Amino acid sequence: MAGITLAQAEAKLTLWMAANDAVAGGQEYEIDTGSGSRRLKRADASEILTQIKFWDNLVKTLSGGAVSRTRYLVPE
């Protein structure tokens, strides 16, 4: 199997960004069941942020941007 392409990484980043937008207004909500209430959680915001960072970094790497290199200088 070939590696992930830039187009695939961009599509995943777009997907996770949409997920973030969808839950931004209502992370949790409560339903009155008549005999009580039930609290529901739509998504885990920290997981969404983790995925956004992962796919953003991969898109940057695959597109040739934001390449960080570390160089060590040893004084003589």
Protein backbone atom coordinates (compact mmCIF):
# COMPACT_ATOMS: atom_id res chain seq x y z
CA MET A 1 0.00 0.00 0.00
CA ALA A 2 1.30 3.43 -0.91
CA GLY A 3 1.63 6.21 1.63
CA ILE A 4 -0.91 8.89 2.29
CA THR A 5 -1.12 11.45 -0.49
CA LEU A 6 -1.36 15.20 -0.01
CA ALA A 7 -4.95 15.14 -1.33
CA GLN A 8 -5.93 12.47 1.20
CA ALA A 9 -4.31 14.38 4.07
CA GLU A 10 -6.04 17.60 3.01
CA ALA A 11 -9.39 15.78 2.87
CA LYS A 12 -8.89 14.41 6.40
CA LEU A 13 -7.89 17.85 7.70
CA THR A 14 -11.04 19.31 6.14
CA LEU A 15 -13.13 16.56 7.75
CA TRP A 16 -11.71 17.20 11.23
CA MET A 17 -12.08 20.97 10.85
CA ALA A 18 -15.77 20.43 9.99
CA ALA A 19 -16.14 18.20 13.05
CA ASN A 20 -14.66 20.96 15.18
CA ASP A 21 -17.14 23.48 13.76
CA ALA A 22 -20.05 21.10 14.34
CA VAL A 23 -19.35 20.67 18.05
CA ALA A 24 -18.11 24.18 18.81
CA GLY A 25 -21.55 25.46 19.74
CA GLY A 26 -22.78 22.53 21.77
CA GLN A 27 -20.24 20.15 23.20
CA GLU A 28 -22.76 18.64 25.59
CA TYR A 29 -26.49 18.81 25.80
CA GLU A 30 -29.20 17.54 28.10
CA ILE A 31 -32.49 15.88 27.16
CA ASP A 32 -35.51 15.88 29.45
CA THR A 33 -36.92 12.35 29.29
CA GLY A 34 -40.01 13.10 31.34
CA SER A 35 -38.88 10.95 34.24
CA GLY A 36 -35.52 12.65 34.53
CA SER A 37 -32.87 13.92 32.22
CA ARG A 38 -30.04 12.51 30.20
CA ARG A 39 -26.77 14.27 29.40
CA LEU A 40 -25.15 13.49 26.07
CA LYS A 41 -21.69 14.36 24.81
CA ARG A 42 -21.41 14.91 21.08
CA ALA A 43 -17.66 14.58 20.70
CA ASP A 44 -14.39 14.74 22.52
CA ALA A 45 -12.99 18.18 21.72
CA SER A 46 -9.45 17.27 22.76
CA GLU A 47 -9.43 14.33 20.32
CA ILE A 48 -10.64 16.60 17.54
CA LEU A 49 -7.83 19.07 18.29
CA THR A 50 -5.27 16.25 18.33
CA GLN A 51 -6.48 15.05 14.93
CA ILE A 52 -6.46 18.57 13.47
CA LYS A 53 -2.86 19.08 14.59
CA PHE A 54 -1.81 15.68 13.20
CA TRP A 55 -3.39 16.20 9.77
CA ASP A 56 -2.24 19.83 9.57
CA ASN A 57 1.36 18.77 10.23
CA LEU A 58 1.09 15.99 7.65
CA VAL A 59 -0.33 18.36 5.03
CA LYS A 60 2.51 20.81 5.70
CA THR A 61 5.09 18.02 5.45
CA LEU A 62 3.65 16.57 2.24
CA SER A 63 3.37 20.00 0.62
CA GLY A 64 6.96 20.83 1.44
CA GLY A 65 6.14 23.55 3.95
CA ALA A 66 7.07 23.89 7.59
CA VAL A 67 9.97 21.50 7.43
CA SER A 68 11.96 21.84 10.60
CA ARG A 69 15.54 20.75 10.78
CA THR A 70 17.74 20.64 13.80
CA ARG A 71 21.44 21.29 13.45
CA TYR A 72 23.94 20.78 16.19
CA LEU A 73 27.06 22.89 16.40
CA VAL A 74 29.97 21.55 18.35
CA PRO A 75 32.52 24.16 19.36
CA GLU A 76 36.14 23.17 18.94
